Amino acid sequence: MTSEHSLIPVIAPISGVFYRKPAPEQPAYVEVGQSVKKGQTLCLLETMKVFTKLKAPMDGEVAEIIPEDGSTIGKRETLFRLKI
C-alpha cells in the first residue's frame, strides 16, 4: 500500500476548463497507473480560448486524476496526484 507521503499533488497554475485529451476524438494524455516523465503533458487548461499544456513536474506514476474532463477548475486546485 502506498503511503500518503509518496503522493505528490499537481496543482493548477490557472483557473479554466480541464481537458484530458488534445481533441474529442483522440485518446487522453495520461491514464491512472501510467508512468510519466518530467515535462510530459498531463492535460490542457483553457482560459479565454487560450490553451495551456500542464506538464508533469517530475517522473512518477499517475495515481489519481481528480477533475472530470471538461470541468471548470480553479487556480491552485489539485488536478492529479503522482506517485513517486
PDB file of N, CA and C in Angstrom:
ATOM      1  N   MET A   1       0.849  -1.189   0.000  1.00  0.00           N
ATOM      2  CA  MET A   1       0.000   0.000   0.000  1.00  0.00           C
ATOM      3  C   MET A   1       0.887   1.243   0.000  1.00  0.00           C
ATOM      4  N   THR A   2       0.525   2.227  -0.777  1.00  0.00           N
ATOM      5  CA  THR A   2       1.296   3.458  -0.889  1.00  0.00           C
ATOM      6  C   THR A   2       0.955   4.384   0.270  1.00  0.00           C
ATOM      7  N   SER A   3       1.973   4.961   0.891  1.00  0.00           N
ATOM      8  CA  SER A   3       1.721   5.933   1.952  1.00  0.00           C
ATOM      9  C   SER A   3       1.348   7.263   1.319  1.00  0.00           C
ATOM     10  N   GLU A   4       0.600   8.073   2.059  1.00  0.00           N
ATOM     11  CA  GLU A   4       0.164   9.384   1.571  1.00  0.00           C
ATOM     12  C   GLU A   4       1.351  10.288   1.270  1.00  0.00           C
ATOM     13  N   HIS A   5       2.486  10.046   1.946  1.00  0.00           N
ATOM     14  CA  HIS A   5       3.662  10.898   1.773  1.00  0.00           C
ATOM     15  C   HIS A   5       4.327  10.725   0.406  1.00  0.00           C
ATOM     16  N   SER A   6       4.052   9.641  -0.288  1.00  0.00           N
ATOM     17  CA  SER A   6       4.683   9.435  -1.589  1.00  0.00           C
ATOM     18  C   SER A   6       3.805   9.936  -2.737  1.00  0.00           C
ATOM     19  N   LEU A   7       2.646  10.529  -2.429  1.00  0.00           N
ATOM     20  CA  LEU A   7       1.771  11.094  -3.457  1.00  0.00           C
ATOM     21  C   LEU A   7       1.995  12.602  -3.530  1.00  0.00           C
ATOM     22  N   ILE A   8       2.374  13.065  -4.706  1.00  0.00           N
ATOM     23  CA  ILE A   8       2.679  14.477  -4.922  1.00  0.00           C
ATOM     24  C   ILE A   8       1.536  15.110  -5.722  1.00  0.00           C
ATOM     25  N   PRO A   9       0.909  16.175  -5.196  1.00  0.00           N
ATOM     26  CA  PRO A   9      -0.163  16.820  -5.959  1.00  0.00           C
ATOM     27  C   PRO A   9       0.386  17.640  -7.122  1.00  0.00           C
ATOM     28  N   VAL A  10      -0.352  17.635  -8.218  1.00  0.00           N
ATOM     29  CA  VAL A  10      -0.059  18.515  -9.347  1.00  0.00           C
ATOM     30  C   VAL A  10      -1.169  19.563  -9.328  1.00  0.00           C
ATOM     31  N   ILE A  11      -0.780  20.804  -9.135  1.00  0.00           N
ATOM     32  CA  ILE A  11      -1.695  21.913  -8.877  1.00  0.00           C
ATOM     33  C   ILE A  11      -1.916  22.745 -10.141  1.00  0.00           C
ATOM     34  N   ALA A  12      -3.153  23.205 -10.328  1.00  0.00           N
ATOM     35  CA  ALA A  12      -3.480  24.077 -11.463  1.00  0.00           C
ATOM     36  C   ALA A  12      -2.821  25.437 -11.281  1.00  0.00           C
ATOM     37  N   PRO A  13      -2.043  25.890 -12.262  1.00  0.00           N
ATOM     38  CA  PRO A  13      -1.418  27.210 -12.174  1.00  0.00           C
ATOM     39  C   PRO A  13      -2.390  28.347 -12.513  1.00  0.00           C
ATOM     40  N   ILE A  14      -3.493  27.996 -13.188  1.00  0.00           N
ATOM     41  CA  ILE A  14      -4.507  28.963 -13.610  1.00  0.00           C
ATOM     42  C   ILE A  14      -5.882  28.333 -13.452  1.00  0.00           C
ATOM     43  N   SER A  15      -6.917  29.145 -13.451  1.00  0.00           N
ATOM     44  CA  SER A  15      -8.276  28.615 -13.490  1.00  0.00           C
ATOM     45  C   SER A  15      -8.701  28.486 -14.946  1.00  0.00           C
ATOM     46  N   GLY A  16      -9.658  27.615 -15.201  1.00  0.00           N
ATOM     47  CA  GLY A  16     -10.129  27.429 -16.562  1.00  0.00           C
ATOM     48  C   GLY A  16     -10.881  26.129 -16.713  1.00  0.00           C
ATOM     49  N   VAL A  17     -10.884  25.595 -17.916  1.00  0.00           N
ATOM     50  CA  VAL A  17     -11.537  24.324 -18.210  1.00  0.00           C
ATOM     51  C   VAL A  17     -10.462  23.262 -18.386  1.00  0.00           C
ATOM     52  N   PHE A  18     -10.673  22.110 -17.733  1.00  0.00           N
ATOM     53  CA  PHE A  18      -9.734  20.989 -17.714  1.00  0.00           C
ATOM     54  C   PHE A  18     -10.088  20.023 -18.840  1.00  0.00           C
ATOM     55  N   TYR A  19      -9.111  19.713 -19.692  1.00  0.00           N
ATOM     56  CA  TYR A  19      -9.311  18.750 -20.775  1.00  0.00           C
ATOM     57  C   TYR A  19      -8.251  17.656 -20.682  1.00  0.00           C
ATOM     58  N   ARG A  20      -8.692  16.417 -20.677  1.00  0.00           N
ATOM     59  CA  ARG A  20      -7.774  15.270 -20.621  1.00  0.00           C
ATOM     60  C   ARG A  20      -7.209  14.911 -21.988  1.00  0.00           C
ATOM     61  N   LYS A  21      -7.854  15.372 -23.081  1.00  0.00           N
ATOM     62  CA  LYS A  21      -7.473  14.983 -24.448  1.00  0.00           C
ATOM     63  C   LYS A  21      -7.123  16.211 -25.278  1.00  0.00           C
ATOM     64  N   PRO A  22      -6.263  16.037 -26.289  1.00  0.00           N
ATOM     65  CA  PRO A  22      -5.955  17.154 -27.188  1.00  0.00           C
ATOM     66  C   PRO A  22      -7.125  17.496 -28.109  1.00  0.00           C
ATOM     67  N   ALA A  23      -8.008  16.540 -28.375  1.00  0.00           N
ATOM     68  CA  ALA A  23      -9.211  16.733 -29.195  1.00  0.00           C
ATOM     69  C   ALA A  23     -10.209  15.638 -28.803  1.00  0.00           C
ATOM     70  N   PRO A  24     -11.508  15.875 -29.000  1.00  0.00           N
ATOM     71  CA  PRO A  24     -12.521  14.902 -28.556  1.00  0.00           C
ATOM     72  C   PRO A  24     -12.322  13.482 -29.092  1.00  0.00           C
ATOM     73  N   GLU A  25     -11.827  13.351 -30.321  1.00  0.00           N
ATOM     74  CA  GLU A  25     -11.683  12.021 -30.928  1.00  0.00           C
ATOM     75  C   GLU A  25     -10.333  11.363 -30.617  1.00  0.00           C
ATOM     76  N   GLN A  26      -9.486  12.030 -29.870  1.00  0.00           N
ATOM     77  CA  GLN A  26      -8.155  11.499 -29.559  1.00  0.00           C
ATOM     78  C   GLN A  26      -8.105  10.925 -28.141  1.00  0.00           C
ATOM     79  N   PRO A  27      -7.137  10.044 -27.866  1.00  0.00           N
ATOM     80  CA  PRO A  27      -7.024   9.471 -26.529  1.00  0.00           C
ATOM     81  C   PRO A  27      -6.537  10.498 -25.507  1.00  0.00           C
ATOM     82  N   ALA A  28      -6.784  10.199 -24.244  1.00  0.00           N
ATOM     83  CA  ALA A  28      -6.341  11.057 -23.145  1.00  0.00           C
ATOM     84  C   ALA A  28      -4.818  11.112 -23.109  1.00  0.00           C
ATOM     85  N   TYR A  29      -4.291  12.242 -22.628  1.00  0.00           N
ATOM     86  CA  TYR A  29      -2.835  12.376 -22.483  1.00  0.00           C
ATOM     87  C   TYR A  29      -2.283  11.310 -21.548  1.00  0.00           C
ATOM     88  N   VAL A  30      -2.953  11.099 -20.407  1.00  0.00           N
ATOM     89  CA  VAL A  30      -2.492  10.114 -19.432  1.00  0.00           C
ATOM     90  C   VAL A  30      -3.688   9.395 -18.807  1.00  0.00           C
ATOM     91  N   GLU A  31      -3.414   8.223 -18.261  1.00  0.00           N
ATOM     92  CA  GLU A  31      -4.415   7.426 -17.547  1.00  0.00           C
ATOM     93  C   GLU A  31      -3.841   7.058 -16.175  1.00  0.00           C
ATOM     94  N   VAL A  32      -4.721   6.741 -15.236  1.00  0.00           N
ATOM     95  CA  VAL A  32      -4.282   6.273 -13.920  1.00  0.00           C
ATOM     96  C   VAL A  32      -3.456   5.006 -14.103  1.00  0.00           C
ATOM     97  N   GLY A  33      -2.331   4.946 -13.402  1.00  0.00           N
ATOM     98  CA  GLY A  33      -1.435   3.798 -13.490  1.00  0.00           C
ATOM     99  C   GLY A  33      -0.318   3.962 -14.509  1.00  0.00           C
ATOM    100  N   GLN A  34      -0.406   4.978 -15.333  1.00  0.00           N
ATOM    101  CA  GLN A  34       0.595   5.209 -16.370  1.00  0.00           C
ATOM    102  C   GLN A  34       1.820   5.907 -15.792  1.00  0.00           C
ATOM    103  N   SER A  35       2.993   5.485 -16.211  1.00  0.00           N
ATOM    104  CA  SER A  35       4.235   6.171 -15.845  1.00  0.00           C
ATOM    105  C   SER A  35       4.380   7.412 -16.707  1.00  0.00           C
ATOM    106  N   VAL A  36       4.874   8.493 -16.086  1.00  0.00           N
ATOM    107  CA  VAL A  36       5.107   9.737 -16.815  1.00  0.00           C
ATOM    108  C   VAL A  36       6.513  10.235 -16.527  1.00  0.00           C
ATOM    109  N   LYS A  37       7.039  10.987 -17.456  1.00  0.00           N
ATOM    110  CA  LYS A  37       8.355  11.605 -17.320  1.00  0.00           C
ATOM    111  C   LYS A  37       8.190  13.095 -17.070  1.00  0.00           C
ATOM    112  N   LYS A  38       9.146  13.675 -16.379  1.00  0.00           N
ATOM    113  CA  LYS A  38       9.137  15.120 -16.144  1.00  0.00           C
ATOM    114  C   LYS A  38       9.007  15.841 -17.481  1.00  0.00           C
ATOM    115  N   GLY A  39       8.077  16.792 -17.562  1.00  0.00           N
ATOM    116  CA  GLY A  39       7.870  17.555 -18.785  1.00  0.00           C
ATOM    117  C   GLY A  39       6.824  16.978 -19.719  1.00  0.00           C
ATOM    118  N   GLN A  40       6.336  15.769 -19.430  1.00  0.00           N
ATOM    119  CA  GLN A  40       5.306  15.148 -20.264  1.00  0.00           C
ATOM    120  C   GLN A  40       3.965  15.855 -20.031  1.00  0.00           C
ATOM    121  N   THR A  41       3.198  16.070 -21.100  1.00  0.00           N
ATOM    122  CA  THR A  41       1.899  16.728 -20.986  1.00  0.00           C
ATOM    123  C   THR A  41       0.910  15.824 -20.259  1.00  0.00           C
ATOM    124  N   LEU A  42       0.229  16.402 -19.254  1.00  0.00           N
ATOM    125  CA  LEU A  42      -0.787  15.686 -18.483  1.00  0.00           C
ATOM    126  C   LEU A  42      -2.198  16.034 -18.942  1.00  0.00           C
ATOM    127  N   CYS A  43      -2.404  17.311 -19.323  1.00  0.00           N
ATOM    128  CA  CYS A  43      -3.731  17.783 -19.713  1.00  0.00           C
ATOM    129  C   CYS A  43      -3.611  19.149 -20.375  1.00  0.00           C
ATOM    130  N   LEU A  44      -4.765  19.662 -20.817  1.00  0.00           N
ATOM    131  CA  LEU A  44      -4.856  21.034 -21.323  1.00  0.00           C
ATOM    132  C   LEU A  44      -5.744  21.828 -20.383  1.00  0.00           C
ATOM    133  N   LEU A  45      -5.391  23.086 -20.192  1.00  0.00           N
ATOM    134  CA  LEU A  45      -6.222  24.022 -19.447  1.00  0.00           C
ATOM    135  C   LEU A  45      -6.583  25.157 -20.395  1.00  0.00           C
ATOM    136  N   GLU A  46      -7.872  25.454 -20.507  1.00  0.00           N
ATOM    137  CA  GLU A  46      -8.337  26.516 -21.406  1.00  0.00           C
ATOM    138  C   GLU A  46      -8.841  27.695 -20.588  1.00  0.00           C
ATOM    139  N   THR A  47      -8.294  28.843 -20.869  1.00  0.00           N
ATOM    140  CA  THR A  47      -8.744  30.092 -20.264  1.00  0.00           C
ATOM    141  C   THR A  47      -8.910  31.117 -21.373  1.00  0.00           C
ATOM    142  N   MET A  48     -10.117  31.617 -21.542  1.00  0.00           N
ATOM    143  CA  MET A  48     -10.402  32.644 -22.551  1.00  0.00           C
ATOM    144  C   MET A  48      -9.894  32.242 -23.944  1.00  0.00           C
ATOM    145  N   LYS A  49     -10.190  31.023 -24.343  1.00  0.00           N
ATOM    146  CA  LYS A  49      -9.838  30.488 -25.674  1.00  0.00           C
ATOM    147  C   LYS A  49      -8.341  30.257 -25.870  1.00  0.00           C
ATOM    148  N   VAL A  50      -7.566  30.355 -24.798  1.00  0.00           N
ATOM    149  CA  VAL A  50      -6.134  30.072 -24.853  1.00  0.00           C
ATOM    150  C   VAL A  50      -5.897  28.739 -24.141  1.00  0.00           C
ATOM    151  N   PHE A  51      -5.211  27.826 -24.827  1.00  0.00           N
ATOM    152  CA  PHE A  51      -4.938  26.508 -24.276  1.00  0.00           C
ATOM    153  C   PHE A  51      -3.506  26.449 -23.752  1.00  0.00           C
ATOM    154  N   THR A  52      -3.362  25.938 -22.537  1.00  0.00           N
ATOM    155  CA  THR A  52      -2.063  25.785 -21.899  1.00  0.00           C
ATOM    156  C   THR A  52      -1.867  24.319 -21.560  1.00  0.00           C
ATOM    157  N   LYS A  53      -0.724  23.757 -21.940  1.00  0.00           N
ATOM    158  CA  LYS A  53      -0.407  22.373 -21.580  1.00  0.00           C
ATOM    159  C   LYS A  53       0.148  22.349 -20.157  1.00  0.00           C
ATOM    160  N   LEU A  54      -0.427  21.495 -19.313  1.00  0.00           N
ATOM    161  CA  LEU A  54       0.097  21.282 -17.971  1.00  0.00           C
ATOM    162  C   LEU A  54       1.020  20.077 -18.044  1.00  0.00           C
ATOM    163  N   LYS A  55       2.269  20.263 -17.612  1.00  0.00           N
ATOM    164  CA  LYS A  55       3.285  19.222 -17.741  1.00  0.00           C
ATOM    165  C   LYS A  55       3.626  18.621 -16.387  1.00  0.00           C
ATOM    166  N   ALA A  56       4.059  17.367 -16.416  1.00  0.00           N
ATOM    167  CA  ALA A  56       4.448  16.665 -15.189  1.00  0.00           C
ATOM    168  C   ALA A  56       5.666  17.345 -14.573  1.00  0.00           C
ATOM    169  N   PRO A  57       5.619  17.650 -13.275  1.00  0.00           N
ATOM    170  CA  PRO A  57       6.742  18.322 -12.628  1.00  0.00           C
ATOM    171  C   PRO A  57       7.908  17.388 -12.310  1.00  0.00           C
ATOM    172  N   MET A  58       7.673  16.071 -12.426  1.00  0.00           N
ATOM    173  CA  MET A  58       8.696  15.075 -12.094  1.00  0.00           C
ATOM    174  C   MET A  58       8.308  13.740 -12.716  1.00  0.00           C
ATOM    175  N   ASP A  59       9.244  12.810 -12.724  1.00  0.00           N
ATOM    176  CA  ASP A  59       8.937  11.444 -13.128  1.00  0.00           C
ATOM    177  C   ASP A  59       8.053  10.817 -12.055  1.00  0.00           C
ATOM    178  N   GLY A  60       7.145   9.958 -12.459  1.00  0.00           N
ATOM    179  CA  GLY A  60       6.302   9.263 -11.491  1.00  0.00           C
ATOM    180  C   GLY A  60       5.235   8.447 -12.184  1.00  0.00           C
ATOM    181  N   GLU A  61       4.235   8.053 -11.409  1.00  0.00           N
ATOM    182  CA  GLU A  61       3.101   7.294 -11.919  1.00  0.00           C
ATOM    183  C   GLU A  61       1.833   8.050 -11.565  1.00  0.00           C
ATOM    184  N   VAL A  62       0.910   8.132 -12.511  1.00  0.00           N
ATOM    185  CA  VAL A  62      -0.354   8.819 -12.254  1.00  0.00           C
ATOM    186  C   VAL A  62      -1.166   7.963 -11.280  1.00  0.00           C
ATOM    187  N   ALA A  63      -1.345   8.466 -10.066  1.00  0.00           N
ATOM    188  CA  ALA A  63      -2.093   7.738  -9.046  1.00  0.00           C
ATOM    189  C   ALA A  63      -3.564   8.126  -9.051  1.00  0.00           C
ATOM    190  N   GLU A  64      -3.837   9.382  -9.428  1.00  0.00           N
ATOM    191  CA  GLU A  64      -5.215   9.870  -9.390  1.00  0.00           C
ATOM    192  C   GLU A  64      -5.382  11.031 -10.366  1.00  0.00           C
ATOM    193  N   ILE A  65      -6.519  11.052 -11.054  1.00  0.00           N
ATOM    194  CA  ILE A  65      -6.932  12.177 -11.889  1.00  0.00           C
ATOM    195  C   ILE A  65      -8.221  12.685 -11.249  1.00  0.00           C
ATOM    196  N   ILE A  66      -8.193  13.886 -10.716  1.00  0.00           N
ATOM    197  CA  ILE A  66      -9.291  14.347  -9.869  1.00  0.00           C
ATOM    198  C   ILE A  66     -10.460  14.973 -10.647  1.00  0.00           C
ATOM    199  N   PRO A  67     -10.250  15.999 -11.489  1.00  0.00           N
ATOM    200  CA  PRO A  67     -11.420  16.603 -12.160  1.00  0.00           C
ATOM    201  C   PRO A  67     -11.947  15.742 -13.305  1.00  0.00           C
ATOM    202  N   GLU A  68     -13.200  15.939 -13.617  1.00  0.00           N
ATOM    203  CA  GLU A  68     -13.802  15.308 -14.789  1.00  0.00           C
ATOM    204  C   GLU A  68     -13.379  16.082 -16.033  1.00  0.00           C
ATOM    205  N   ASP A  69     -13.260  15.379 -17.148  1.00  0.00           N
ATOM    206  CA  ASP A  69     -12.928  16.021 -18.413  1.00  0.00           C
ATOM    207  C   ASP A  69     -13.984  17.075 -18.747  1.00  0.00           C
ATOM    208  N   GLY A  70     -13.548  18.273 -19.091  1.00  0.00           N
ATOM    209  CA  GLY A  70     -14.460  19.346 -19.460  1.00  0.00           C
ATOM    210  C   GLY A  70     -14.986  20.157 -18.285  1.00  0.00           C
ATOM    211  N   SER A  71     -14.514  19.846 -17.078  1.00  0.00           N
ATOM    212  CA  SER A  71     -14.998  20.587 -15.911  1.00  0.00           C
ATOM    213  C   SER A  71     -14.199  21.867 -15.686  1.00  0.00           C
ATOM    214  N   THR A  72     -14.815  22.810 -15.015  1.00  0.00           N
ATOM    215  CA  THR A  72     -14.166  24.069 -14.668  1.00  0.00           C
ATOM    216  C   THR A  72     -13.364  23.860 -13.392  1.00  0.00           C
ATOM    217  N   ILE A  73     -12.123  24.298 -13.410  1.00  0.00           N
ATOM    218  CA  ILE A  73     -11.248  24.145 -12.248  1.00  0.00           C
ATOM    219  C   ILE A  73     -10.744  25.523 -11.817  1.00  0.00           C
ATOM    220  N   GLY A  74     -10.343  25.598 -10.565  1.00  0.00           N
ATOM    221  CA  GLY A  74      -9.839  26.846 -10.021  1.00  0.00           C
ATOM    222  C   GLY A  74      -8.327  26.850  -9.903  1.00  0.00           C
ATOM    223  N   LYS A  75      -7.758  28.040  -9.865  1.00  0.00           N
ATOM    224  CA  LYS A  75      -6.322  28.196  -9.657  1.00  0.00           C
ATOM    225  C   LYS A  75      -5.961  27.566  -8.313  1.00  0.00           C
ATOM    226  N   ARG A  76      -4.858  26.835  -8.282  1.00  0.00           N
ATOM    227  CA  ARG A  76      -4.336  26.141  -7.103  1.00  0.00           C
ATOM    228  C   ARG A  76      -5.156  24.909  -6.712  1.00  0.00           C
ATOM    229  N   GLU A  77      -6.061  24.459  -7.588  1.00  0.00           N
ATOM    230  CA  GLU A  77      -6.801  23.234  -7.340  1.00  0.00           C
ATOM    231  C   GLU A  77      -5.918  22.039  -7.701  1.00  0.00           C
ATOM    232  N   THR A  78      -5.988  20.978  -6.915  1.00  0.00           N
ATOM    233  CA  THR A  78      -5.231  19.760  -7.223  1.00  0.00           C
ATOM    234  C   THR A  78      -5.917  19.036  -8.376  1.00  0.00           C
ATOM    235  N   LEU A  79      -5.139  18.759  -9.433  1.00  0.00           N
ATOM    236  CA  LEU A  79      -5.677  18.094 -10.629  1.00  0.00           C
ATOM    237  C   LEU A  79      -5.281  16.628 -10.695  1.00  0.00           C
ATOM    238  N   PHE A  80      -4.052  16.342 -10.302  1.00  0.00           N
ATOM    239  CA  PHE A  80      -3.517  14.977 -10.353  1.00  0.00           C
ATOM    240  C   PHE A  80      -2.764  14.718  -9.054  1.00  0.00           C
ATOM    241  N   ARG A  81      -2.572  13.435  -8.776  1.00  0.00           N
ATOM    242  CA  ARG A  81      -1.622  13.033  -7.746  1.00  0.00           C
ATOM    243  C   ARG A  81      -0.672  12.036  -8.416  1.00  0.00           C
ATOM    244  N   LEU A  82       0.628  12.315  -8.284  1.00  0.00           N
ATOM    245  CA  LEU A  82       1.655  11.439  -8.848  1.00  0.00           C
ATOM    246  C   LEU A  82       2.308  10.649  -7.731  1.00  0.00           C
ATOM    247  N   LYS A  83       2.494   9.372  -7.983  1.00  0.00           N
ATOM    248  CA  LYS A  83       3.199   8.505  -7.056  1.00  0.00           C
ATOM    249  C   LYS A  83       4.666   8.509  -7.435  1.00  0.00           C
ATOM    250  N   ILE A  84       5.530   8.796  -6.455  1.00  0.00           N
ATOM    251  CA  ILE A  84       6.968   8.815  -6.742  1.00  0.00           C
ATOM    252  C   ILE A  84       7.676   7.724  -5.968  1.00  0.00           C
TER     253      ILE A  84
END
